[in-house]
């Protein structure tokens, strides 16, 4: 399997329209505000010597627009996550 195969499978099986994503965070409201702001979200590594080509690609990814709206973005308290 190569990158083209993976890209083709992603295009075929994943759609961003009406996609739901759950993120667990100890700073959920700040994360929500950051994502809704549309500002770049730089990627930070805990490792040294990240290849330059990865850094270059990350600089594109950090500016990728996310189709988020405040009305469809909810912070759920952890105490109610698994309630029925």
PDB file of N, CA and C in Angstrom:
ATOM      1  N   UNK A   1       0.849  -1.173   0.000  1.00  0.00           N
ATOM      2  CA  UNK A   1       0.000   0.000   0.000  1.00  0.00           C
ATOM      3  C   UNK A   1       0.894   1.235   0.000  1.00  0.00           C
ATOM      4  N   UNK A   2       0.545   2.193  -0.826  1.00  0.00           N
ATOM      5  CA  UNK A   2       1.332   3.419  -0.883  1.00  0.00           C
ATOM      6  C   UNK A   2       0.431   4.617  -0.568  1.00  0.00           C
ATOM      7  N   UNK A   3       1.004   5.810  -0.596  1.00  0.00           N
ATOM      8  CA  UNK A   3       0.265   7.016  -0.234  1.00  0.00           C
ATOM      9  C   UNK A   3      -0.952   7.221  -1.134  1.00  0.00           C
ATOM     10  N   UNK A   4      -0.796   6.973  -2.419  1.00  0.00           N
ATOM     11  CA  UNK A   4      -1.917   7.146  -3.348  1.00  0.00           C
ATOM     12  C   UNK A   4      -3.075   6.210  -2.994  1.00  0.00           C
ATOM     13  N   UNK A   5      -2.751   4.970  -2.600  1.00  0.00           N
ATOM     14  CA  UNK A   5      -3.793   4.016  -2.188  1.00  0.00           C
ATOM     15  C   UNK A   5      -4.532   4.521  -0.956  1.00  0.00           C
ATOM     16  N   UNK A   6      -3.784   5.020   0.014  1.00  0.00           N
ATOM     17  CA  UNK A   6      -4.384   5.540   1.245  1.00  0.00           C
ATOM     18  C   UNK A   6      -5.243   6.762   0.942  1.00  0.00           C
ATOM     19  N   UNK A   7      -4.721   7.680   0.146  1.00  0.00           N
ATOM     20  CA  UNK A   7      -5.480   8.879  -0.222  1.00  0.00           C
ATOM     21  C   UNK A   7      -6.782   8.505  -0.923  1.00  0.00           C
ATOM     22  N   UNK A   8      -6.729   7.550  -1.835  1.00  0.00           N
ATOM     23  CA  UNK A   8      -7.915   7.106  -2.573  1.00  0.00           C
ATOM     24  C   UNK A   8      -8.940   6.501  -1.605  1.00  0.00           C
ATOM     25  N   UNK A   9      -8.491   5.675  -0.675  1.00  0.00           N
ATOM     26  CA  UNK A   9      -9.395   5.058   0.301  1.00  0.00           C
ATOM     27  C   UNK A   9     -10.037   6.124   1.205  1.00  0.00           C
ATOM     28  N   UNK A  10      -9.254   7.108   1.609  1.00  0.00           N
ATOM     29  CA  UNK A  10      -9.803   8.177   2.449  1.00  0.00           C
ATOM     30  C   UNK A  10     -10.880   8.960   1.702  1.00  0.00           C
ATOM     31  N   UNK A  11     -10.606   9.311   0.451  1.00  0.00           N
ATOM     32  CA  UNK A  11     -11.598  10.052  -0.345  1.00  0.00           C
ATOM     33  C   UNK A  11     -12.867   9.227  -0.540  1.00  0.00           C
ATOM     34  N   UNK A  12     -12.711   7.925  -0.680  1.00  0.00           N
ATOM     35  CA  UNK A  12     -13.866   7.062  -0.926  1.00  0.00           C
ATOM     36  C   UNK A  12     -14.707   6.852   0.336  1.00  0.00           C
ATOM     37  N   UNK A  13     -14.055   6.697   1.495  1.00  0.00           N
ATOM     38  CA  UNK A  13     -14.768   6.263   2.693  1.00  0.00           C
ATOM     39  C   UNK A  13     -14.993   7.343   3.746  1.00  0.00           C
ATOM     40  N   UNK A  14     -14.300   8.456   3.652  1.00  0.00           N
ATOM     41  CA  UNK A  14     -14.465   9.510   4.645  1.00  0.00           C
ATOM     42  C   UNK A  14     -14.968  10.781   3.986  1.00  0.00           C
ATOM     43  N   UNK A  15     -15.924  11.405   4.611  1.00  0.00           N
ATOM     44  CA  UNK A  15     -16.441  12.678   4.117  1.00  0.00           C
ATOM     45  C   UNK A  15     -16.436  13.678   5.270  1.00  0.00           C
ATOM     46  N   UNK A  16     -16.043  14.901   4.997  1.00  0.00           N
ATOM     47  CA  UNK A  16     -16.002  15.899   6.060  1.00  0.00           C
ATOM     48  C   UNK A  16     -17.364  16.521   6.317  1.00  0.00           C
ATOM     49  N   UNK A  17     -18.280  16.407   5.381  1.00  0.00           N
ATOM     50  CA  UNK A  17     -19.618  16.973   5.578  1.00  0.00           C
ATOM     51  C   UNK A  17     -20.340  16.188   6.671  1.00  0.00           C
ATOM     52  N   UNK A  18     -20.855  16.908   7.638  1.00  0.00           N
ATOM     53  CA  UNK A  18     -21.589  16.320   8.762  1.00  0.00           C
ATOM     54  C   UNK A  18     -20.742  15.365   9.608  1.00  0.00           C
ATOM     55  N   UNK A  19     -19.457  15.563   9.604  1.00  0.00           N
ATOM     56  CA  UNK A  19     -18.558  14.732  10.398  1.00  0.00           C
ATOM     57  C   UNK A  19     -18.620  15.170  11.854  1.00  0.00           C
ATOM     58  N   UNK A  20     -18.600  14.228  12.759  1.00  0.00           N
ATOM     59  CA  UNK A  20     -18.576  14.524  14.193  1.00  0.00           C
ATOM     60  C   UNK A  20     -17.233  14.065  14.758  1.00  0.00           C
ATOM     61  N   UNK A  21     -16.627  14.922  15.575  1.00  0.00           N
ATOM     62  CA  UNK A  21     -15.335  14.613  16.173  1.00  0.00           C
ATOM     63  C   UNK A  21     -15.428  14.864  17.666  1.00  0.00           C
ATOM     64  N   UNK A  22     -14.916  13.938  18.447  1.00  0.00           N
ATOM     65  CA  UNK A  22     -14.856  14.107  19.902  1.00  0.00           C
ATOM     66  C   UNK A  22     -13.390  14.259  20.297  1.00  0.00           C
ATOM     67  N   UNK A  23     -13.108  15.272  21.107  1.00  0.00           N
ATOM     68  CA  UNK A  23     -11.755  15.521  21.597  1.00  0.00           C
ATOM     69  C   UNK A  23     -11.812  15.578  23.109  1.00  0.00           C
ATOM     70  N   UNK A  24     -10.914  14.889  23.762  1.00  0.00           N
ATOM     71  CA  UNK A  24     -10.828  14.924  25.218  1.00  0.00           C
ATOM     72  C   UNK A  24      -9.702  15.877  25.590  1.00  0.00           C
ATOM     73  N   UNK A  25     -10.004  16.833  26.471  1.00  0.00           N
ATOM     74  CA  UNK A  25      -9.008  17.835  26.836  1.00  0.00           C
ATOM     75  C   UNK A  25      -9.276  18.338  28.245  1.00  0.00           C
ATOM     76  N   UNK A  26      -8.192  18.643  28.957  1.00  0.00           N
ATOM     77  CA  UNK A  26      -8.370  19.248  30.281  1.00  0.00           C
ATOM     78  C   UNK A  26      -8.566  20.762  30.169  1.00  0.00           C
ATOM     79  N   UNK A  27      -8.455  21.293  28.951  1.00  0.00           N
ATOM     80  CA  UNK A  27      -8.700  22.723  28.695  1.00  0.00           C
ATOM     81  C   UNK A  27      -9.660  22.842  27.512  1.00  0.00           C
ATOM     82  N   UNK A  28     -10.800  22.179  27.604  1.00  0.00           N
ATOM     83  CA  UNK A  28     -11.710  22.043  26.471  1.00  0.00           C
ATOM     84  C   UNK A  28     -12.238  23.374  25.958  1.00  0.00           C
ATOM     85  N   UNK A  29     -12.601  24.274  26.842  1.00  0.00           N
ATOM     86  CA  UNK A  29     -13.159  25.548  26.386  1.00  0.00           C
ATOM     87  C   UNK A  29     -12.112  26.384  25.653  1.00  0.00           C
ATOM     88  N   UNK A  30     -10.879  26.386  26.155  1.00  0.00           N
ATOM     89  CA  UNK A  30      -9.802  27.110  25.475  1.00  0.00           C
ATOM     90  C   UNK A  30      -9.513  26.476  24.112  1.00  0.00           C
ATOM     91  N   UNK A  31      -9.544  25.152  24.048  1.00  0.00           N
ATOM     92  CA  UNK A  31      -9.332  24.454  22.781  1.00  0.00           C
ATOM     93  C   UNK A  31     -10.447  24.810  21.802  1.00  0.00           C
ATOM     94  N   UNK A  32     -11.690  24.770  22.261  1.00  0.00           N
ATOM     95  CA  UNK A  32     -12.815  25.139  21.406  1.00  0.00           C
ATOM     96  C   UNK A  32     -12.647  26.559  20.867  1.00  0.00           C
ATOM     97  N   UNK A  33     -12.325  27.489  21.747  1.00  0.00           N
ATOM     98  CA  UNK A  33     -12.150  28.883  21.335  1.00  0.00           C
ATOM     99  C   UNK A  33     -11.026  29.026  20.313  1.00  0.00           C
ATOM    100  N   UNK A  34      -9.952  28.308  20.516  1.00  0.00           N
ATOM    101  CA  UNK A  34      -8.816  28.356  19.584  1.00  0.00           C
ATOM    102  C   UNK A  34      -9.211  27.827  18.211  1.00  0.00           C
ATOM    103  N   UNK A  35      -9.900  26.692  18.187  1.00  0.00           N
ATOM    104  CA  UNK A  35     -10.309  26.109  16.911  1.00  0.00           C
ATOM    105  C   UNK A  35     -11.323  26.984  16.187  1.00  0.00           C
ATOM    106  N   UNK A  36     -12.231  27.592  16.926  1.00  0.00           N
ATOM    107  CA  UNK A  36     -13.241  28.464  16.314  1.00  0.00           C
ATOM    108  C   UNK A  36     -12.655  29.788  15.827  1.00  0.00           C
ATOM    109  N   UNK A  37     -11.517  30.185  16.372  1.00  0.00           N
ATOM    110  CA  UNK A  37     -10.923  31.474  16.006  1.00  0.00           C
ATOM    111  C   UNK A  37     -10.411  31.505  14.569  1.00  0.00           C
ATOM    112  N   UNK A  38     -10.087  30.344  14.022  1.00  0.00           N
ATOM    113  CA  UNK A  38      -9.538  30.296  12.673  1.00  0.00           C
ATOM    114  C   UNK A  38      -8.055  30.612  12.605  1.00  0.00           C
ATOM    115  N   UNK A  39      -7.445  30.895  13.745  1.00  0.00           N
ATOM    116  CA  UNK A  39      -6.009  31.179  13.767  1.00  0.00           C
ATOM    117  C   UNK A  39      -5.220  29.883  13.579  1.00  0.00           C
ATOM    118  N   UNK A  40      -3.994  29.975  13.059  1.00  0.00           N
ATOM    119  CA  UNK A  40      -3.163  28.772  12.905  1.00  0.00           C
ATOM    120  C   UNK A  40      -2.955  28.053  14.237  1.00  0.00           C
ATOM    121  N   UNK A  41      -2.903  26.739  14.178  1.00  0.00           N
ATOM    122  CA  UNK A  41      -2.660  25.912  15.365  1.00  0.00           C
ATOM    123  C   UNK A  41      -1.380  25.104  15.128  1.00  0.00           C
ATOM    124  N   UNK A  42      -0.233  25.691  15.444  1.00  0.00           N
ATOM    125  CA  UNK A  42       1.052  25.031  15.174  1.00  0.00           C
ATOM    126  C   UNK A  42       1.178  23.672  15.855  1.00  0.00           C
ATOM    127  N   UNK A  43       1.833  22.775  15.163  1.00  0.00           N
ATOM    128  CA  UNK A  43       2.090  21.439  15.682  1.00  0.00           C
ATOM    129  C   UNK A  43       3.408  21.478  16.438  1.00  0.00           C
ATOM    130  N   UNK A  44       3.429  20.916  17.643  1.00  0.00           N
ATOM    131  CA  UNK A  44       4.621  20.922  18.490  1.00  0.00           C
ATOM    132  C   UNK A  44       5.010  19.477  18.777  1.00  0.00           C
ATOM    133  N   UNK A  45       6.272  19.179  18.576  1.00  0.00           N
ATOM    134  CA  UNK A  45       6.784  17.834  18.811  1.00  0.00           C
ATOM    135  C   UNK A  45       7.608  17.790  20.097  1.00  0.00           C
ATOM    136  N   UNK A  46       7.545  16.645  20.776  1.00  0.00           N
ATOM    137  CA  UNK A  46       8.377  16.424  21.961  1.00  0.00           C
ATOM    138  C   UNK A  46       9.737  15.847  21.574  1.00  0.00           C
ATOM    139  N   UNK A  47       9.919  15.604  20.298  1.00  0.00           N
ATOM    140  CA  UNK A  47      11.169  15.018  19.823  1.00  0.00           C
ATOM    141  C   UNK A  47      12.020  16.076  19.126  1.00  0.00           C
ATOM    142  N   UNK A  48      13.313  15.816  19.052  1.00  0.00           N
ATOM    143  CA  UNK A  48      14.236  16.707  18.356  1.00  0.00           C
ATOM    144  C   UNK A  48      14.453  16.181  16.945  1.00  0.00           C
ATOM    145  N   UNK A  49      15.018  17.012  16.126  1.00  0.00           N
ATOM    146  CA  UNK A  49      15.429  16.609  14.783  1.00  0.00           C
ATOM    147  C   UNK A  49      14.265  16.178  13.889  1.00  0.00           C
ATOM    148  N   UNK A  50      13.152  16.879  13.973  1.00  0.00           N
ATOM    149  CA  UNK A  50      12.042  16.608  13.059  1.00  0.00           C
ATOM    150  C   UNK A  50      12.496  16.994  11.652  1.00  0.00           C
ATOM    151  N   UNK A  51      12.306  16.118  10.685  1.00  0.00           N
ATOM    152  CA  UNK A  51      12.775  16.406   9.329  1.00  0.00           C
ATOM    153  C   UNK A  51      12.149  17.690   8.773  1.00  0.00           C
ATOM    154  N   UNK A  52      12.923  18.470   8.029  1.00  0.00           N
ATOM    155  CA  UNK A  52      12.421  19.740   7.470  1.00  0.00           C
ATOM    156  C   UNK A  52      11.172  19.568   6.610  1.00  0.00           C
ATOM    157  N   UNK A  53      11.078  18.458   5.877  1.00  0.00           N
ATOM    158  CA  UNK A  53       9.905  18.247   5.035  1.00  0.00           C
ATOM    159  C   UNK A  53       8.632  18.061   5.863  1.00  0.00           C
ATOM    160  N   UNK A  54       8.787  17.492   7.053  1.00  0.00           N
ATOM    161  CA  UNK A  54       7.640  17.336   7.961  1.00  0.00           C
ATOM    162  C   UNK A  54       7.227  18.702   8.494  1.00  0.00           C
ATOM    163  N   UNK A  55       8.193  19.508   8.893  1.00  0.00           N
ATOM    164  CA  UNK A  55       7.914  20.858   9.391  1.00  0.00           C
ATOM    165  C   UNK A  55       7.215  21.680   8.311  1.00  0.00           C
ATOM    166  N   UNK A  56       7.679  21.568   7.069  1.00  0.00           N
ATOM    167  CA  UNK A  56       7.081  22.318   5.956  1.00  0.00           C
ATOM    168  C   UNK A  56       5.622  21.899   5.752  1.00  0.00           C
ATOM    169  N   UNK A  57       5.362  20.605   5.796  1.00  0.00           N
ATOM    170  CA  UNK A  57       3.983  20.117   5.646  1.00  0.00           C
ATOM    171  C   UNK A  57       3.117  20.563   6.832  1.00  0.00           C
ATOM    172  N   UNK A  58       3.687  20.530   8.026  1.00  0.00           N
ATOM    173  CA  UNK A  58       2.962  20.970   9.223  1.00  0.00           C
ATOM    174  C   UNK A  58       2.531  22.434   9.116  1.00  0.00           C
ATOM    175  N   UNK A  59       3.349  23.254   8.482  1.00  0.00           N
ATOM    176  CA  UNK A  59       3.018  24.675   8.342  1.00  0.00           C
ATOM    177  C   UNK A  59       1.814  24.876   7.427  1.00  0.00           C
ATOM    178  N   UNK A  60       1.583  23.958   6.520  1.00  0.00           N
ATOM    179  CA  UNK A  60       0.373  23.993   5.690  1.00  0.00           C
ATOM    180  C   UNK A  60      -0.815  23.510   6.511  1.00  0.00           C
ATOM    181  N   UNK A  61      -0.624  22.413   7.229  1.00  0.00           N
ATOM    182  CA  UNK A  61      -1.701  21.817   8.025  1.00  0.00           C
ATOM    183  C   UNK A  61      -2.187  22.782   9.102  1.00  0.00           C
ATOM    184  N   UNK A  62      -1.276  23.502   9.756  1.00  0.00           N
ATOM    185  CA  UNK A  62      -1.675  24.377  10.864  1.00  0.00           C
ATOM    186  C   UNK A  62      -2.576  25.526  10.418  1.00  0.00           C
ATOM    187  N   UNK A  63      -2.606  25.796   9.118  1.00  0.00           N
ATOM    188  CA  UNK A  63      -3.449  26.874   8.579  1.00  0.00           C
ATOM    189  C   UNK A  63      -4.670  26.335   7.831  1.00  0.00           C
ATOM    190  N   UNK A  64      -4.847  25.032   7.843  1.00  0.00           N
ATOM    191  CA  UNK A  64      -5.955  24.423   7.112  1.00  0.00           C
ATOM    192  C   UNK A  64      -7.277  24.851   7.740  1.00  0.00           C
ATOM    193  N   UNK A  65      -8.179  25.418   6.945  1.00  0.00           N
ATOM    194  CA  UNK A  65      -9.441  25.905   7.516  1.00  0.00           C
ATOM    195  C   UNK A  65     -10.356  24.753   7.954  1.00  0.00           C
ATOM    196  N   UNK A  66     -10.899  24.878   9.144  1.00  0.00           N
ATOM    197  CA  UNK A  66     -11.836  23.889   9.657  1.00  0.00           C
ATOM    198  C   UNK A  66     -13.244  24.468   9.588  1.00  0.00           C
ATOM    199  N   UNK A  67     -14.185  23.746   8.993  1.00  0.00           N
ATOM    200  CA  UNK A  67     -15.546  24.265   8.868  1.00  0.00           C
ATOM    201  C   UNK A  67     -16.334  24.085  10.168  1.00  0.00           C
ATOM    202  N   UNK A  68     -15.963  24.848  11.177  1.00  0.00           N
ATOM    203  CA  UNK A  68     -16.608  24.741  12.487  1.00  0.00           C
ATOM    204  C   UNK A  68     -17.530  25.929  12.702  1.00  0.00           C
ATOM    205  N   UNK A  69     -18.576  25.698  13.463  1.00  0.00           N
ATOM    206  CA  UNK A  69     -19.450  26.800  13.837  1.00  0.00           C
ATOM    207  C   UNK A  69     -19.706  26.718  15.337  1.00  0.00           C
ATOM    208  N   UNK A  70     -19.827  27.861  15.997  1.00  0.00           N
ATOM    209  CA  UNK A  70     -20.084  27.843  17.442  1.00  0.00           C
ATOM    210  C   UNK A  70     -21.347  27.066  17.804  1.00  0.00           C
ATOM    211  N   UNK A  71     -22.366  27.140  16.965  1.00  0.00           N
ATOM    212  CA  UNK A  71     -23.629  26.458  17.267  1.00  0.00           C
ATOM    213  C   UNK A  71     -23.491  24.940  17.262  1.00  0.00           C
ATOM    214  N   UNK A  72     -22.524  24.435  16.514  1.00  0.00           N
ATOM    215  CA  UNK A  72     -22.352  22.977  16.423  1.00  0.00           C
ATOM    216  C   UNK A  72     -21.134  22.479  17.209  1.00  0.00           C
ATOM    217  N   UNK A  73     -20.580  23.343  18.053  1.00  0.00           N
ATOM    218  CA  UNK A  73     -19.403  22.979  18.840  1.00  0.00           C
ATOM    219  C   UNK A  73     -19.783  23.018  20.310  1.00  0.00           C
ATOM    220  N   UNK A  74     -19.691  21.886  20.967  1.00  0.00           N
ATOM    221  CA  UNK A  74     -20.167  21.758  22.340  1.00  0.00           C
ATOM    222  C   UNK A  74     -19.076  21.209  23.248  1.00  0.00           C
ATOM    223  N   UNK A  75     -18.951  21.794  24.420  1.00  0.00           N
ATOM    224  CA  UNK A  75     -18.076  21.249  25.454  1.00  0.00           C
ATOM    225  C   UNK A  75     -18.979  20.504  26.430  1.00  0.00           C
ATOM    226  N   UNK A  76     -18.679  19.224  26.633  1.00  0.00           N
ATOM    227  CA  UNK A  76     -19.477  18.375  27.512  1.00  0.00           C
ATOM    228  C   UNK A  76     -18.663  18.076  28.761  1.00  0.00           C
ATOM    229  N   UNK A  77     -19.185  18.387  29.949  1.00  0.00           N
ATOM    230  CA  UNK A  77     -18.456  18.079  31.178  1.00  0.00           C
ATOM    231  C   UNK A  77     -18.206  16.574  31.305  1.00  0.00           C
ATOM    232  N   UNK A  78     -17.049  16.227  31.791  1.00  0.00           N
ATOM    233  CA  UNK A  78     -16.671  14.816  31.901  1.00  0.00           C
ATOM    234  C   UNK A  78     -17.666  14.035  32.756  1.00  0.00           C
ATOM    235  N   UNK A  79     -18.252  14.672  33.762  1.00  0.00           N
ATOM    236  CA  UNK A  79     -19.193  13.980  34.643  1.00  0.00           C
ATOM    237  C   UNK A  79     -20.442  13.496  33.910  1.00  0.00           C
ATOM    238  N   UNK A  80     -20.750  14.098  32.777  1.00  0.00           N
ATOM    239  CA  UNK A  80     -21.951  13.694  32.046  1.00  0.00           C
ATOM    240  C   UNK A  80     -21.650  12.946  30.760  1.00  0.00           C
ATOM    241  N   UNK A  81     -20.403  12.621  30.513  1.00  0.00           N
ATOM    242  CA  UNK A  81     -20.020  11.956  29.258  1.00  0.00           C
ATOM    243  C   UNK A  81     -20.691  10.615  29.052  1.00  0.00           C
ATOM    244  N   UNK A  82     -20.829   9.826  30.079  1.00  0.00           N
ATOM    245  CA  UNK A  82     -21.319   8.473  29.909  1.00  0.00           C
ATOM    246  C   UNK A  82     -22.699   8.269  30.523  1.00  0.00           C
ATOM    247  N   UNK A  83     -23.437   9.336  30.711  1.00  0.00           N
ATOM    248  CA  UNK A  83     -24.802   9.225  31.215  1.00  0.00           C
ATOM    249  C   UNK A  83     -25.725   8.807  30.086  1.00  0.00           C
ATOM    250  N   UNK A  84     -26.802   8.177  30.433  1.00  0.00           N
ATOM    251  CA  UNK A  84     -27.799   7.795  29.423  1.00  0.00           C
ATOM    252  C   UNK A  84     -29.039   8.617  29.617  1.00  0.00           C
TER     253      UNK A  84
END
